[in-house]
Amino acid sequence: EEVSRLCAAGQPTIPTTIGQEKAVNPFLRADVPAVAAAVGLPNAPPAQVFAEIRGRKDRF
């Protein structure tokens, strides 16, 4: 319903907001300790965590 309403109004139908993405997208959460721990890199710098997440996506 929401998408149909937005389309009819000529509005974009992007499914999330940047705030929602920051809350759930692991690529935007590489600095969160729980995310680092989940990929086996507790206490690693965010860039290393991001690279690990990206590598896993590439191999998925």
C-alpha atoms as a PDB file:
ATOM      1  CA  GLU A   1       0.000   0.000   0.000  1.00  0.00           C
ATOM      2  CA  GLU A   2       2.723   2.442   0.987  1.00  0.00           C
ATOM      3  CA  VAL A   3       4.681   1.885  -2.234  1.00  0.00           C
ATOM      4  CA  SER A   4       1.561   2.299  -4.355  1.00  0.00           C
ATOM      5  CA  ARG A   5       0.726   5.549  -2.575  1.00  0.00           C
ATOM      6  CA  LEU A   6       4.249   6.892  -3.053  1.00  0.00           C
ATOM      7  CA  CYS A   7       4.295   5.925  -6.742  1.00  0.00           C
ATOM      8  CA  ALA A   8       0.945   7.602  -7.314  1.00  0.00           C
ATOM      9  CA  ALA A   9       2.307  10.752  -5.686  1.00  0.00           C
ATOM     10  CA  GLY A  10       5.464  10.665  -7.818  1.00  0.00           C
ATOM     11  CA  GLN A  11       7.635  10.073  -4.739  1.00  0.00           C
ATOM     12  CA  PRO A  12      10.639   7.741  -4.475  1.00  0.00           C
ATOM     13  CA  THR A  13      10.019   4.296  -3.031  1.00  0.00           C
ATOM     14  CA  ILE A  14      13.342   3.797  -1.325  1.00  0.00           C
ATOM     15  CA  PRO A  15      12.697   1.076   1.223  1.00  0.00           C
ATOM     16  CA  THR A  16      14.647   2.573   4.135  1.00  0.00           C
ATOM     17  CA  THR A  17      16.040   5.774   5.530  1.00  0.00           C
ATOM     18  CA  ILE A  18      19.726   6.414   6.147  1.00  0.00           C
ATOM     19  CA  GLY A  19      18.972   6.146   9.858  1.00  0.00           C
ATOM     20  CA  GLN A  20      17.491   2.694   9.396  1.00  0.00           C
ATOM     21  CA  GLU A  21      20.458   1.648   7.258  1.00  0.00           C
ATOM     22  CA  LYS A  22      22.920   2.845   9.897  1.00  0.00           C
ATOM     23  CA  ALA A  23      21.056   0.749  12.447  1.00  0.00           C
ATOM     24  CA  VAL A  24      21.068  -2.511  10.468  1.00  0.00           C
ATOM     25  CA  ASN A  25      23.622  -2.420   7.642  1.00  0.00           C
ATOM     26  CA  PRO A  26      26.824  -4.159   8.799  1.00  0.00           C
ATOM     27  CA  PHE A  27      28.906  -2.121   6.340  1.00  0.00           C
ATOM     28  CA  LEU A  28      27.845   1.012   8.213  1.00  0.00           C
ATOM     29  CA  ARG A  29      28.442  -0.593  11.619  1.00  0.00           C
ATOM     30  CA  ALA A  30      32.079  -1.706  11.338  1.00  0.00           C
ATOM     31  CA  ASP A  31      32.879   0.408  14.401  1.00  0.00           C
ATOM     32  CA  VAL A  32      30.377  -1.458  16.609  1.00  0.00           C
ATOM     33  CA  PRO A  33      32.124  -3.947  18.932  1.00  0.00           C
ATOM     34  CA  ALA A  34      29.377  -6.574  18.534  1.00  0.00           C
ATOM     35  CA  VAL A  35      29.792  -6.519  14.745  1.00  0.00           C
ATOM     36  CA  ALA A  36      33.575  -6.884  15.037  1.00  0.00           C
ATOM     37  CA  ALA A  37      33.112  -9.799  17.420  1.00  0.00           C
ATOM     38  CA  ALA A  38      30.558 -11.422  15.114  1.00  0.00           C
ATOM     39  CA  VAL A  39      33.143 -11.627  12.326  1.00  0.00           C
ATOM     40  CA  GLY A  40      35.835 -12.882  14.670  1.00  0.00           C
ATOM     41  CA  LEU A  41      37.743  -9.614  14.947  1.00  0.00           C
ATOM     42  CA  PRO A  42      37.132  -8.255  18.433  1.00  0.00           C
ATOM     43  CA  ASN A  43      39.123  -5.091  19.114  1.00  0.00           C
ATOM     44  CA  ALA A  44      40.110  -4.746  15.435  1.00  0.00           C
ATOM     45  CA  PRO A  45      40.050  -1.317  13.785  1.00  0.00           C
ATOM     46  CA  PRO A  46      36.846  -0.515  11.857  1.00  0.00           C
ATOM     47  CA  ALA A  47      38.664  -0.604   8.504  1.00  0.00           C
ATOM     48  CA  GLN A  48      39.742  -4.188   9.135  1.00  0.00           C
ATOM     49  CA  VAL A  49      36.228  -5.173  10.207  1.00  0.00           C
ATOM     50  CA  PHE A  50      34.793  -3.530   7.087  1.00  0.00           C
ATOM     51  CA  ALA A  51      37.302  -5.386   4.884  1.00  0.00           C
ATOM     52  CA  GLU A  52      36.330  -8.691   6.498  1.00  0.00           C
ATOM     53  CA  ILE A  53      32.624  -8.030   5.962  1.00  0.00           C
ATOM     54  CA  ARG A  54      33.291  -7.046   2.347  1.00  0.00           C
ATOM     55  CA  GLY A  55      35.388 -10.153   1.761  1.00  0.00           C
ATOM     56  CA  ARG A  56      32.624 -12.349   3.110  1.00  0.00           C
ATOM     57  CA  LYS A  57      30.119 -10.666   0.804  1.00  0.00           C
ATOM     58  CA  ASP A  58      32.445 -11.224  -2.155  1.00  0.00           C
ATOM     59  CA  ARG A  59      32.645 -14.938  -1.334  1.00  0.00           C
ATOM     60  CA  PHE A  60      28.928 -15.354  -0.606  1.00  0.00           C
END
